[in-house]
């Protein structure tokens, strides 16, 4: 019985004993530093991919806006040329009409004589 109780006591002591705290070794610290560096690198790469996507999207939008602006400018310049041609034509017609009117008025008036007599 003594042996059994002694054996039971040894078994209880063995089970109740806690595991020793893990000790930090230099290799574990180095491994942790490397893992932290890898995490930072991965975050930087992810951030770089996001920036690259953002810049490519901005370039795409800028190109689209530039194309629209060029199209609008071309249409605007064409409209200016069309209106300028209409204005030139209108001015030329007015000039011709004025010349015709002057000619008609000049023909309708009697010519003053060169030897007009003055009366007093």
PDB file of N, CA and C in Angstrom:
ATOM      1  N   UNK A   1       0.796  -1.176   0.000  1.00  0.00           N
ATOM      2  CA  UNK A   1       0.000   0.000   0.000  1.00  0.00           C
ATOM      3  C   UNK A   1       0.858   1.267   0.000  1.00  0.00           C
ATOM      4  N   UNK A   2       1.932   1.152   0.704  1.00  0.00           N
ATOM      5  CA  UNK A   2       2.854   2.273   0.721  1.00  0.00           C
ATOM      6  C   UNK A   2       3.398   2.548  -0.652  1.00  0.00           C
ATOM      7  N   UNK A   3       3.693   1.528  -1.320  1.00  0.00           N
ATOM      8  CA  UNK A   3       4.246   1.689  -2.672  1.00  0.00           C
ATOM      9  C   UNK A   3       3.206   2.314  -3.600  1.00  0.00           C
ATOM     10  N   UNK A   4       1.994   1.890  -3.434  1.00  0.00           N
ATOM     11  CA  UNK A   4       0.930   2.419  -4.279  1.00  0.00           C
ATOM     12  C   UNK A   4       0.698   3.892  -3.972  1.00  0.00           C
ATOM     13  N   UNK A   5       0.661   4.234  -2.713  1.00  0.00           N
ATOM     14  CA  UNK A   5       0.444   5.636  -2.371  1.00  0.00           C
ATOM     15  C   UNK A   5       1.644   6.496  -2.791  1.00  0.00           C
ATOM     16  N   UNK A   6       2.834   5.954  -2.662  1.00  0.00           N
ATOM     17  CA  UNK A   6       4.027   6.668  -3.099  1.00  0.00           C
ATOM     18  C   UNK A   6       3.999   6.865  -4.619  1.00  0.00           C
ATOM     19  N   UNK A   7       3.617   5.831  -5.316  1.00  0.00           N
ATOM     20  CA  UNK A   7       3.511   5.909  -6.777  1.00  0.00           C
ATOM     21  C   UNK A   7       2.429   6.908  -7.188  1.00  0.00           C
ATOM     22  N   UNK A   8       1.338   6.899  -6.452  1.00  0.00           N
ATOM     23  CA  UNK A   8       0.255   7.830  -6.738  1.00  0.00           C
ATOM     24  C   UNK A   8       0.692   9.266  -6.463  1.00  0.00           C
ATOM     25  N   UNK A   9       1.451   9.485  -5.418  1.00  0.00           N
ATOM     26  CA  UNK A   9       1.945  10.803  -5.092  1.00  0.00           C
ATOM     27  C   UNK A   9       2.928  11.311  -6.144  1.00  0.00           C
ATOM     28  N   UNK A  10       3.798  10.475  -6.595  1.00  0.00           N
ATOM     29  CA  UNK A  10       4.774  10.855  -7.623  1.00  0.00           C
ATOM     30  C   UNK A  10       4.052  11.201  -8.920  1.00  0.00           C
ATOM     31  N   UNK A  11       3.020  10.416  -9.229  1.00  0.00           N
ATOM     32  CA  UNK A  11       2.248  10.680 -10.442  1.00  0.00           C
ATOM     33  C   UNK A  11       1.523  12.006 -10.344  1.00  0.00           C
ATOM     34  N   UNK A  12       0.958  12.309  -9.165  1.00  0.00           N
ATOM     35  CA  UNK A  12       0.259  13.581  -8.983  1.00  0.00           C
ATOM     36  C   UNK A  12       1.227  14.762  -9.069  1.00  0.00           C
ATOM     37  N   UNK A  13       2.388  14.594  -8.484  1.00  0.00           N
ATOM     38  CA  UNK A  13       3.379  15.668  -8.579  1.00  0.00           C
ATOM     39  C   UNK A  13       3.826  15.883 -10.021  1.00  0.00           C
ATOM     40  N   UNK A  14       3.973  14.822 -10.760  1.00  0.00           N
ATOM     41  CA  UNK A  14       4.396  14.932 -12.157  1.00  0.00           C
ATOM     42  C   UNK A  14       3.332  15.623 -12.997  1.00  0.00           C
ATOM     43  N   UNK A  15       2.075  15.327 -12.713  1.00  0.00           N
ATOM     44  CA  UNK A  15       0.988  15.941 -13.484  1.00  0.00           C
ATOM     45  C   UNK A  15       0.773  17.391 -13.100  1.00  0.00           C
ATOM     46  N   UNK A  16       0.972  17.733 -11.849  1.00  0.00           N
ATOM     47  CA  UNK A  16       0.700  19.090 -11.395  1.00  0.00           C
ATOM     48  C   UNK A  16       1.825  20.059 -11.742  1.00  0.00           C
ATOM     49  N   UNK A  17       2.958  19.544 -12.059  1.00  0.00           N
ATOM     50  CA  UNK A  17       4.090  20.416 -12.382  1.00  0.00           C
ATOM     51  C   UNK A  17       3.824  21.144 -13.702  1.00  0.00           C
ATOM     52  N   UNK A  18       4.005  22.439 -13.727  1.00  0.00           N
ATOM     53  CA  UNK A  18       3.763  23.238 -14.935  1.00  0.00           C
ATOM     54  C   UNK A  18       4.986  23.182 -15.843  1.00  0.00           C
ATOM     55  N   UNK A  19       4.707  23.391 -17.084  1.00  0.00           N
ATOM     56  CA  UNK A  19       5.794  23.375 -18.061  1.00  0.00           C
ATOM     57  C   UNK A  19       6.624  24.641 -17.889  1.00  0.00           C
ATOM     58  N   UNK A  20       7.897  24.547 -18.070  1.00  0.00           N
ATOM     59  CA  UNK A  20       8.729  25.747 -17.914  1.00  0.00           C
ATOM     60  C   UNK A  20       8.388  26.763 -19.006  1.00  0.00           C
ATOM     61  N   UNK A  21       8.520  28.006 -18.645  1.00  0.00           N
ATOM     62  CA  UNK A  21       8.228  29.077 -19.605  1.00  0.00           C
ATOM     63  C   UNK A  21       9.229  28.993 -20.748  1.00  0.00           C
ATOM     64  N   UNK A  22       8.740  29.182 -21.951  1.00  0.00           N
ATOM     65  CA  UNK A  22       9.672  29.109 -23.080  1.00  0.00           C
ATOM     66  C   UNK A  22      10.684  30.243 -22.985  1.00  0.00           C
ATOM     67  N   UNK A  23      11.886  29.924 -23.211  1.00  0.00           N
ATOM     68  CA  UNK A  23      12.900  30.961 -23.122  1.00  0.00           C
ATOM     69  C   UNK A  23      13.156  31.538 -24.515  1.00  0.00           C
ATOM     70  N   UNK A  24      13.424  32.816 -24.559  1.00  0.00           N
ATOM     71  CA  UNK A  24      13.682  33.494 -25.819  1.00  0.00           C
ATOM     72  C   UNK A  24      15.126  33.241 -26.218  1.00  0.00           C
ATOM     73  N   UNK A  25      15.276  32.734 -27.392  1.00  0.00           N
ATOM     74  CA  UNK A  25      16.632  32.531 -27.877  1.00  0.00           C
ATOM     75  C   UNK A  25      16.930  33.579 -28.945  1.00  0.00           C
ATOM     76  N   UNK A  26      18.171  33.707 -29.259  1.00  0.00           N
ATOM     77  CA  UNK A  26      18.595  34.678 -30.267  1.00  0.00           C
ATOM     78  C   UNK A  26      17.990  34.339 -31.633  1.00  0.00           C
ATOM     79  N   UNK A  27      17.907  33.047 -31.931  1.00  0.00           N
ATOM     80  CA  UNK A  27      17.341  32.618 -33.212  1.00  0.00           C
ATOM     81  C   UNK A  27      15.866  32.998 -33.309  1.00  0.00           C
ATOM     82  N   UNK A  28      15.137  32.859 -32.195  1.00  0.00           N
ATOM     83  CA  UNK A  28      13.712  33.220 -32.198  1.00  0.00           C
ATOM     84  C   UNK A  28      13.546  34.728 -32.385  1.00  0.00           C
ATOM     85  N   UNK A  29      14.376  35.514 -31.724  1.00  0.00           N
ATOM     86  CA  UNK A  29      14.303  36.971 -31.883  1.00  0.00           C
ATOM     87  C   UNK A  29      14.602  37.371 -33.323  1.00  0.00           C
ATOM     88  N   UNK A  30      15.625  36.756 -33.901  1.00  0.00           N
ATOM     89  CA  UNK A  30      15.975  37.041 -35.291  1.00  0.00           C
ATOM     90  C   UNK A  30      14.816  36.658 -36.225  1.00  0.00           C
ATOM     91  N   UNK A  31      14.211  35.527 -35.952  1.00  0.00           N
ATOM     92  CA  UNK A  31      13.080  35.069 -36.751  1.00  0.00           C
ATOM     93  C   UNK A  31      11.913  36.050 -36.639  1.00  0.00           C
ATOM     94  N   UNK A  32      11.655  36.542 -35.439  1.00  0.00           N
ATOM     95  CA  UNK A  32      10.585  37.525 -35.257  1.00  0.00           C
ATOM     96  C   UNK A  32      10.877  38.828 -36.002  1.00  0.00           C
ATOM     97  N   UNK A  33      12.124  39.272 -35.958  1.00  0.00           N
ATOM     98  CA  UNK A  33      12.507  40.488 -36.692  1.00  0.00           C
ATOM     99  C   UNK A  33      12.306  40.299 -38.186  1.00  0.00           C
ATOM    100  N   UNK A  34      12.708  39.137 -38.691  1.00  0.00           N
ATOM    101  CA  UNK A  34      12.556  38.860 -40.127  1.00  0.00           C
ATOM    102  C   UNK A  34      11.075  38.833 -40.509  1.00  0.00           C
ATOM    103  N   UNK A  35      10.254  38.209 -39.656  1.00  0.00           N
ATOM    104  CA  UNK A  35       8.822  38.154 -39.940  1.00  0.00           C
ATOM    105  C   UNK A  35       8.195  39.547 -39.929  1.00  0.00           C
ATOM    106  N   UNK A  36       8.610  40.388 -38.979  1.00  0.00           N
ATOM    107  CA  UNK A  36       8.101  41.764 -38.949  1.00  0.00           C
ATOM    108  C   UNK A  36       8.526  42.519 -40.195  1.00  0.00           C
ATOM    109  N   UNK A  37       9.793  42.330 -40.609  1.00  0.00           N
ATOM    110  CA  UNK A  37      10.281  42.991 -41.825  1.00  0.00           C
ATOM    111  C   UNK A  37       9.506  42.507 -43.045  1.00  0.00           C
ATOM    112  N   UNK A  38       9.225  41.218 -43.096  1.00  0.00           N
ATOM    113  CA  UNK A  38       8.443  40.679 -44.219  1.00  0.00           C
ATOM    114  C   UNK A  38       7.021  41.241 -44.223  1.00  0.00           C
ATOM    115  N   UNK A  39       6.435  41.390 -43.046  1.00  0.00           N
ATOM    116  CA  UNK A  39       5.097  41.988 -42.954  1.00  0.00           C
ATOM    117  C   UNK A  39       5.111  43.430 -43.459  1.00  0.00           C
ATOM    118  N   UNK A  40       6.144  44.193 -43.061  1.00  0.00           N
ATOM    119  CA  UNK A  40       6.256  45.585 -43.546  1.00  0.00           C
ATOM    120  C   UNK A  40       6.434  45.612 -45.058  1.00  0.00           C
ATOM    121  N   UNK A  41       7.284  44.705 -45.574  1.00  0.00           N
ATOM    122  CA  UNK A  41       7.520  44.646 -47.013  1.00  0.00           C
ATOM    123  C   UNK A  41       6.237  44.307 -47.765  1.00  0.00           C
ATOM    124  N   UNK A  42       5.480  43.366 -47.226  1.00  0.00           N
ATOM    125  CA  UNK A  42       4.218  42.984 -47.859  1.00  0.00           C
ATOM    126  C   UNK A  42       3.238  44.158 -47.846  1.00  0.00           C
ATOM    127  N   UNK A  43       3.191  44.886 -46.727  1.00  0.00           N
ATOM    128  CA  UNK A  43       2.314  46.060 -46.641  1.00  0.00           C
ATOM    129  C   UNK A  43       2.754  47.124 -47.641  1.00  0.00           C
ATOM    130  N   UNK A  44       4.071  47.339 -47.759  1.00  0.00           N
ATOM    131  CA  UNK A  44       4.582  48.313 -48.730  1.00  0.00           C
ATOM    132  C   UNK A  44       4.247  47.901 -50.155  1.00  0.00           C
ATOM    133  N   UNK A  45       4.403  46.620 -50.457  1.00  0.00           N
ATOM    134  CA  UNK A  45       4.058  46.140 -51.805  1.00  0.00           C
ATOM    135  C   UNK A  45       2.575  46.323 -52.087  1.00  0.00           C
ATOM    136  N   UNK A  46       1.745  46.001 -51.113  1.00  0.00           N
ATOM    137  CA  UNK A  46       0.307  46.180 -51.290  1.00  0.00           C
ATOM    138  C   UNK A  46      -0.020  47.651 -51.509  1.00  0.00           C
ATOM    139  N   UNK A  47       0.628  48.514 -50.727  1.00  0.00           N
ATOM    140  CA  UNK A  47       0.428  49.949 -50.879  1.00  0.00           C
ATOM    141  C   UNK A  47       0.908  50.409 -52.252  1.00  0.00           C
ATOM    142  N   UNK A  48       2.034  49.874 -52.710  1.00  0.00           N
ATOM    143  CA  UNK A  48       2.557  50.219 -54.037  1.00  0.00           C
ATOM    144  C   UNK A  48       1.616  49.777 -55.138  1.00  0.00           C
ATOM    145  N   UNK A  49       1.023  48.594 -55.000  1.00  0.00           N
ATOM    146  CA  UNK A  49       0.054  48.127 -55.994  1.00  0.00           C
ATOM    147  C   UNK A  49      -1.156  49.045 -56.023  1.00  0.00           C
ATOM    148  N   UNK A  50      -1.601  49.469 -54.851  1.00  0.00           N
ATOM    149  CA  UNK A  50      -2.740  50.380 -54.770  1.00  0.00           C
ATOM    150  C   UNK A  50      -2.404  51.707 -55.439  1.00  0.00           C
ATOM    151  N   UNK A  51      -1.208  52.231 -55.167  1.00  0.00           N
ATOM    152  CA  UNK A  51      -0.793  53.493 -55.792  1.00  0.00           C
ATOM    153  C   UNK A  51      -0.688  53.333 -57.305  1.00  0.00           C
ATOM    154  N   UNK A  52      -0.132  52.222 -57.753  1.00  0.00           N
ATOM    155  CA  UNK A  52      -0.003  51.983 -59.182  1.00  0.00           C
ATOM    156  C   UNK A  52      -1.376  51.933 -59.827  1.00  0.00           C
ATOM    157  N   UNK A  53      -2.319  51.237 -59.204  1.00  0.00           N
ATOM    158  CA  UNK A  53      -3.671  51.178 -59.736  1.00  0.00           C
ATOM    159  C   UNK A  53      -4.291  52.569 -59.769  1.00  0.00           C
ATOM    160  N   UNK A  54      -4.094  53.327 -58.688  1.00  0.00           N
ATOM    161  CA  UNK A  54      -4.664  54.676 -58.615  1.00  0.00           C
ATOM    162  C   UNK A  54      -4.085  55.563 -59.721  1.00  0.00           C
ATOM    163  N   UNK A  55      -2.755  55.532 -59.889  1.00  0.00           N
ATOM    164  CA  UNK A  55      -2.136  56.360 -60.920  1.00  0.00           C
ATOM    165  C   UNK A  55      -2.570  55.928 -62.320  1.00  0.00           C
ATOM    166  N   UNK A  56      -2.676  54.638 -62.564  1.00  0.00           N
ATOM    167  CA  UNK A  56      -3.104  54.192 -63.892  1.00  0.00           C
ATOM    168  C   UNK A  56      -4.552  54.612 -64.154  1.00  0.00           C
ATOM    169  N   UNK A  57      -5.385  54.582 -63.122  1.00  0.00           N
ATOM    170  CA  UNK A  57      -6.775  55.037 -63.271  1.00  0.00           C
ATOM    171  C   UNK A  57      -6.815  56.539 -63.537  1.00  0.00           C
ATOM    172  N   UNK A  58      -5.971  57.297 -62.843  1.00  0.00           N
ATOM    173  CA  UNK A  58      -5.913  58.744 -63.086  1.00  0.00           C
ATOM    174  C   UNK A  58      -5.436  59.048 -64.502  1.00  0.00           C
ATOM    175  N   UNK A  59      -4.450  58.311 -64.981  1.00  0.00           N
ATOM    176  CA  UNK A  59      -3.953  58.511 -66.348  1.00  0.00           C
ATOM    177  C   UNK A  59      -5.046  58.187 -67.356  1.00  0.00           C
ATOM    178  N   UNK A  60      -5.782  57.102 -67.119  1.00  0.00           N
ATOM    179  CA  UNK A  60      -6.865  56.719 -68.025  1.00  0.00           C
ATOM    180  C   UNK A  60      -7.938  57.809 -68.063  1.00  0.00           C
ATOM    181  N   UNK A  61      -8.317  58.306 -66.894  1.00  0.00           N
ATOM    182  CA  UNK A  61      -9.344  59.355 -66.844  1.00  0.00           C
ATOM    183  C   UNK A  61      -8.850  60.647 -67.491  1.00  0.00           C
ATOM    184  N   UNK A  62      -7.579  60.981 -67.251  1.00  0.00           N
ATOM    185  CA  UNK A  62      -7.020  62.193 -67.855  1.00  0.00           C
ATOM    186  C   UNK A  62      -7.028  62.086 -69.378  1.00  0.00           C
ATOM    187  N   UNK A  63      -6.671  60.917 -69.895  1.00  0.00           N
ATOM    188  CA  UNK A  63      -6.668  60.711 -71.341  1.00  0.00           C
ATOM    189  C   UNK A  63      -8.075  60.863 -71.905  1.00  0.00           C
ATOM    190  N   UNK A  64      -9.055  60.287 -71.229  1.00  0.00           N
ATOM    191  CA  UNK A  64     -10.444  60.399 -71.690  1.00  0.00           C
ATOM    192  C   UNK A  64     -10.902  61.855 -71.664  1.00  0.00           C
ATOM    193  N   UNK A  65     -10.578  62.560 -70.587  1.00  0.00           N
ATOM    194  CA  UNK A  65     -10.972  63.975 -70.480  1.00  0.00           C
ATOM    195  C   UNK A  65     -10.271  64.813 -71.538  1.00  0.00           C
ATOM    196  N   UNK A  66      -9.017  64.500 -71.801  1.00  0.00           N
ATOM    197  CA  UNK A  66      -8.254  65.230 -72.822  1.00  0.00           C
ATOM    198  C   UNK A  66      -8.871  65.022 -74.201  1.00  0.00           C
ATOM    199  N   UNK A  67      -9.304  63.803 -74.495  1.00  0.00           N
ATOM    200  CA  UNK A  67      -9.936  63.527 -75.783  1.00  0.00           C
ATOM    201  C   UNK A  67     -11.235  64.316 -75.936  1.00  0.00           C
ATOM    202  N   UNK A  68     -12.024  64.353 -74.870  1.00  0.00           N
ATOM    203  CA  UNK A  68     -13.279  65.108 -74.911  1.00  0.00           C
ATOM    204  C   UNK A  68     -12.979  66.594 -75.087  1.00  0.00           C
ATOM    205  N   UNK A  69     -11.984  67.099 -74.366  1.00  0.00           N
ATOM    206  CA  UNK A  69     -11.627  68.519 -74.474  1.00  0.00           C
ATOM    207  C   UNK A  69     -11.157  68.854 -75.886  1.00  0.00           C
ATOM    208  N   UNK A  70     -10.383  67.980 -76.501  1.00  0.00           N
ATOM    209  CA  UNK A  70      -9.919  68.218 -77.875  1.00  0.00           C
ATOM    210  C   UNK A  70     -11.092  68.225 -78.848  1.00  0.00           C
ATOM    211  N   UNK A  71     -12.015  67.305 -78.661  1.00  0.00           N
ATOM    212  CA  UNK A  71     -13.186  67.238 -79.536  1.00  0.00           C
ATOM    213  C   UNK A  71     -14.021  68.513 -79.403  1.00  0.00           C
ATOM    214  N   UNK A  72     -14.249  68.951 -78.160  1.00  0.00           N
ATOM    215  CA  UNK A  72     -15.029  70.167 -77.927  1.00  0.00           C
ATOM    216  C   UNK A  72     -14.315  71.377 -78.526  1.00  0.00           C
ATOM    217  N   UNK A  73     -13.004  71.438 -78.372  1.00  0.00           N
ATOM    218  CA  UNK A  73     -12.238  72.550 -78.929  1.00  0.00           C
ATOM    219  C   UNK A  73     -12.316  72.559 -80.449  1.00  0.00           C
ATOM    220  N   UNK A  74     -12.184  71.390 -81.066  1.00  0.00           N
ATOM    221  CA  UNK A  74     -12.292  71.314 -82.526  1.00  0.00           C
ATOM    222  C   UNK A  74     -13.665  71.769 -82.998  1.00  0.00           C
ATOM    223  N   UNK A  75     -14.717  71.330 -82.313  1.00  0.00           N
ATOM    224  CA  UNK A  75     -16.072  71.759 -82.683  1.00  0.00           C
ATOM    225  C   UNK A  75     -16.229  73.264 -82.499  1.00  0.00           C
ATOM    226  N   UNK A  76     -15.662  73.790 -81.429  1.00  0.00           N
ATOM    227  CA  UNK A  76     -15.760  75.225 -81.160  1.00  0.00           C
ATOM    228  C   UNK A  76     -15.042  76.039 -82.246  1.00  0.00           C
ATOM    229  N   UNK A  77     -13.844  75.599 -82.605  1.00  0.00           N
ATOM    230  CA  UNK A  77     -13.085  76.303 -83.654  1.00  0.00           C
ATOM    231  C   UNK A  77     -13.825  76.227 -84.984  1.00  0.00           C
ATOM    232  N   UNK A  78     -14.410  75.075 -85.313  1.00  0.00           N
ATOM    233  CA  UNK A  78     -15.182  74.936 -86.552  1.00  0.00           C
ATOM    234  C   UNK A  78     -16.372  75.885 -86.545  1.00  0.00           C
ATOM    235  N   UNK A  79     -17.037  76.007 -85.419  1.00  0.00           N
ATOM    236  CA  UNK A  79     -18.185  76.917 -85.309  1.00  0.00           C
ATOM    237  C   UNK A  79     -17.728  78.374 -85.462  1.00  0.00           C
ATOM    238  N   UNK A  80     -16.583  78.710 -84.886  1.00  0.00           N
ATOM    239  CA  UNK A  80     -16.058  80.071 -85.032  1.00  0.00           C
ATOM    240  C   UNK A  80     -15.762  80.364 -86.499  1.00  0.00           C
ATOM    241  N   UNK A  81     -15.137  79.412 -87.213  1.00  0.00           N
ATOM    242  CA  UNK A  81     -14.847  79.616 -88.634  1.00  0.00           C
ATOM    243  C   UNK A  81     -16.133  79.753 -89.442  1.00  0.00           C
ATOM    244  N   UNK A  82     -17.136  78.942 -89.132  1.00  0.00           N
ATOM    245  CA  UNK A  82     -18.407  79.016 -89.852  1.00  0.00           C
ATOM    246  C   UNK A  82     -19.063  80.379 -89.636  1.00  0.00           C
ATOM    247  N   UNK A  83     -19.087  80.835 -88.390  1.00  0.00           N
ATOM    248  CA  UNK A  83     -19.693  82.135 -88.099  1.00  0.00           C
ATOM    249  C   UNK A  83     -18.892  83.285 -88.713  1.00  0.00           C
ATOM    250  N   UNK A  84     -17.568  83.156 -88.721  1.00  0.00           N
ATOM    251  CA  UNK A  84     -16.731  84.203 -89.334  1.00  0.00           C
ATOM    252  C   UNK A  84     -16.992  84.278 -90.837  1.00  0.00           C
ATOM    253  N   UNK A  85     -17.152  83.127 -91.485  1.00  0.00           N
ATOM    254  CA  UNK A  85     -17.439  83.124 -92.927  1.00  0.00           C
ATOM    255  C   UNK A  85     -18.794  83.773 -93.197  1.00  0.00           C
ATOM    256  N   UNK A  86     -19.784  83.470 -92.376  1.00  0.00           N
ATOM    257  CA  UNK A  86     -21.109  84.086 -92.536  1.00  0.00           C
ATOM    258  C   UNK A  86     -21.015  85.590 -92.337  1.00  0.00           C
ATOM    259  N   UNK A  87     -20.264  86.018 -91.335  1.00  0.00           N
ATOM    260  CA  UNK A  87     -20.105  87.451 -91.063  1.00  0.00           C
ATOM    261  C   UNK A  87     -19.398  88.152 -92.221  1.00  0.00           C
ATOM    262  N   UNK A  88     -18.357  87.540 -92.748  1.00  0.00           N
ATOM    263  CA  UNK A  88     -17.640  88.131 -93.904  1.00  0.00           C
ATOM    264  C   UNK A  88     -18.579  88.272 -95.096  1.00  0.00           C
ATOM    265  N   UNK A  89     -19.368  87.235 -95.332  1.00  0.00           N
ATOM    266  CA  UNK A  89     -20.315  87.276 -96.454  1.00  0.00           C
ATOM    267  C   UNK A  89     -21.337  88.386 -96.259  1.00  0.00           C
ATOM    268  N   UNK A  90     -21.826  88.518 -95.034  1.00  0.00           N
ATOM    269  CA  UNK A  90     -22.802  89.566 -94.727  1.00  0.00           C
ATOM    270  C   UNK A  90     -22.198  90.954 -94.939  1.00  0.00           C
ATOM    271  N   UNK A  91     -20.957  91.136 -94.490  1.00  0.00           N
ATOM    272  CA  UNK A  91     -20.283  92.434 -94.647  1.00  0.00           C
ATOM    273  C   UNK A  91     -20.042  92.741 -96.122  1.00  0.00           C
ATOM    274  N   UNK A  92     -19.668  91.723 -96.884  1.00  0.00           N
ATOM    275  CA  UNK A  92     -19.445  91.936 -98.324  1.00  0.00           C
ATOM    276  C   UNK A  92     -20.754  92.328 -98.998  1.00  0.00           C
ATOM    277  N   UNK A  93     -21.855  91.682 -98.651  1.00  0.00           N
ATOM    278  CA  UNK A  93     -23.159  92.049 -99.242  1.00  0.00           C
ATOM    279  C   UNK A  93     -23.530  93.482 -98.874  1.00  0.00           C
ATOM    280  N   UNK A  94     -23.321  93.873 -97.615  1.00  0.00           N
ATOM    281  CA  UNK A  94     -23.638  95.241 -97.200  1.00  0.00           C
ATOM    282  C   UNK A  94     -22.803  96.250 -97.984  1.00  0.00           C
ATOM    283  N   UNK A  95     -21.528  95.941 -98.189  1.00  0.00           N
ATOM    284  CA  UNK A  95     -20.656  96.829 -98.950  1.00  0.00           C
ATOM    285  C   UNK A  95     -21.179  96.995-100.382  1.00  0.00           C
ATOM    286  N   UNK A  96     -21.542  95.871-100.988  1.00  0.00           N
ATOM    287  CA  UNK A  96     -22.057  95.907-102.367  1.00  0.00           C
ATOM    288  C   UNK A  96     -23.370  96.679-102.409  1.00  0.00           C
ATOM    289  N   UNK A  97     -24.260  96.438-101.435  1.00  0.00           N
ATOM    290  CA  UNK A  97     -25.542  97.155-101.383  1.00  0.00           C
ATOM    291  C   UNK A  97     -25.316  98.652-101.209  1.00  0.00           C
ATOM    292  N   UNK A  98     -24.361  99.046-100.360  1.00  0.00           N
ATOM    293  CA  UNK A  98     -24.058 100.464-100.153  1.00  0.00           C
ATOM    294  C   UNK A  98     -23.537 101.098-101.436  1.00  0.00           C
ATOM    295  N   UNK A  99     -22.667 100.388-102.132  1.00  0.00           N
ATOM    296  CA  UNK A  99     -22.128 100.925-103.387  1.00  0.00           C
ATOM    297  C   UNK A  99     -23.231 101.079-104.423  1.00  0.00           C
ATOM    298  N   UNK A 100     -24.127 100.121-104.520  1.00  0.00           N
ATOM    299  CA  UNK A 100     -25.242 100.208-105.463  1.00  0.00           C
ATOM    300  C   UNK A 100     -26.134 101.380-105.109  1.00  0.00           C
ATOM    301  N   UNK A 101     -26.399 101.570-103.803  1.00  0.00           N
ATOM    302  CA  UNK A 101     -27.255 102.664-103.361  1.00  0.00           C
ATOM    303  C   UNK A 101     -26.615 104.012-103.673  1.00  0.00           C
ATOM    304  N   UNK A 102     -25.321 104.132-103.443  1.00  0.00           N
ATOM    305  CA  UNK A 102     -24.615 105.396-103.753  1.00  0.00           C
ATOM    306  C   UNK A 102     -24.673 105.685-105.240  1.00  0.00           C
ATOM    307  N   UNK A 103     -24.490 104.655-106.009  1.00  0.00           N
ATOM    308  CA  UNK A 103     -24.519 104.835-107.449  1.00  0.00           C
ATOM    309  C   UNK A 103     -25.897 105.278-107.901  1.00  0.00           C
ATOM    310  N   UNK A 104     -26.931 104.683-107.318  1.00  0.00           N
ATOM    311  CA  UNK A 104     -28.302 105.040-107.687  1.00  0.00           C
ATOM    312  C   UNK A 104     -28.614 106.459-107.249  1.00  0.00           C
ATOM    313  N   UNK A 105     -28.195 106.861-106.062  1.00  0.00           N
ATOM    314  CA  UNK A 105     -28.433 108.225-105.581  1.00  0.00           C
ATOM    315  C   UNK A 105     -27.645 109.213-106.430  1.00  0.00           C
ATOM    316  N   UNK A 106     -26.439 108.883-106.776  1.00  0.00           N
ATOM    317  CA  UNK A 106     -25.612 109.775-107.584  1.00  0.00           C
ATOM    318  C   UNK A 106     -26.218 109.957-108.962  1.00  0.00           C
ATOM    319  N   UNK A 107     -26.822 108.955-109.513  1.00  0.00           N
ATOM    320  CA  UNK A 107     -27.432 109.062-110.837  1.00  0.00           C
ATOM    321  C   UNK A 107     -28.740 109.827-110.755  1.00  0.00           C
ATOM    322  N   UNK A 108     -29.438 109.793-109.660  1.00  0.00           N
ATOM    323  CA  UNK A 108     -30.738 110.460-109.535  1.00  0.00           C
ATOM    324  C   UNK A 108     -30.596 111.950-109.322  1.00  0.00           C
ATOM    325  N   UNK A 109     -29.543 112.428-108.774  1.00  0.00           N
ATOM    326  CA  UNK A 109     -29.376 113.867-108.532  1.00  0.00           C
ATOM    327  C   UNK A 109     -28.931 114.564-109.815  1.00  0.00           C
ATOM    328  N   UNK A 110     -29.459 115.739-110.035  1.00  0.00           N
ATOM    329  CA  UNK A 110     -28.989 116.506-111.210  1.00  0.00           C
ATOM    330  C   UNK A 110     -27.591 117.026-110.923  1.00  0.00           C
ATOM    331  N   UNK A 111     -26.835 117.107-111.936  1.00  0.00           N
ATOM    332  CA  UNK A 111     -25.479 117.617-111.800  1.00  0.00           C
ATOM    333  C   UNK A 111     -25.511 119.128-111.688  1.00  0.00           C
ATOM    334  N   UNK A 112     -24.799 119.642-110.730  1.00  0.00           N
ATOM    335  CA  UNK A 112     -24.754 121.108-110.645  1.00  0.00           C
ATOM    336  C   UNK A 112     -23.938 121.664-111.821  1.00  0.00           C
ATOM    337  N   UNK A 113     -24.392 122.780-112.297  1.00  0.00           N
ATOM    338  CA  UNK A 113     -23.667 123.355-113.449  1.00  0.00           C
ATOM    339  C   UNK A 113     -22.408 124.004-112.962  1.00  0.00           C
ATOM    340  N   UNK A 114     -21.494 124.080-113.847  1.00  0.00           N
ATOM    341  CA  UNK A 114     -20.198 124.629-113.462  1.00  0.00           C
ATOM    342  C   UNK A 114     -20.235 126.140-113.414  1.00  0.00           C
ATOM    343  N   UNK A 115     -21.093 126.670-114.163  1.00  0.00           N
ATOM    344  CA  UNK A 115     -21.137 128.151-114.228  1.00  0.00           C
ATOM    345  C   UNK A 115     -22.413 128.619-113.569  1.00  0.00           C
ATOM    346  N   UNK A 116     -22.472 128.439-112.328  1.00  0.00           N
ATOM    347  CA  UNK A 116     -23.672 128.858-111.620  1.00  0.00           C
ATOM    348  C   UNK A 116     -23.661 130.371-111.469  1.00  0.00           C
ATOM    349  N   UNK A 117     -24.832 130.963-111.634  1.00  0.00           N
ATOM    350  CA  UNK A 117     -24.939 132.420-111.551  1.00  0.00           C
ATOM    351  C   UNK A 117     -25.381 132.758-110.136  1.00  0.00           C
ATOM    352  N   UNK A 118     -24.688 133.700-109.592  1.00  0.00           N
ATOM    353  CA  UNK A 118     -25.054 134.112-108.262  1.00  0.00           C
ATOM    354  C   UNK A 118     -26.046 135.235-108.351  1.00  0.00           C
ATOM    355  N   UNK A 119     -27.111 135.103-107.612  1.00  0.00           N
ATOM    356  CA  UNK A 119     -28.102 136.177-107.640  1.00  0.00           C
ATOM    357  C   UNK A 119     -28.185 136.820-106.281  1.00  0.00           C
ATOM    358  N   UNK A 120     -28.273 138.208-106.354  1.00  0.00           N
ATOM    359  CA  UNK A 120     -28.367 138.984-105.118  1.00  0.00           C
ATOM    360  C   UNK A 120     -29.523 139.894-105.162  1.00  0.00           C
TER     361      UNK A 120
END
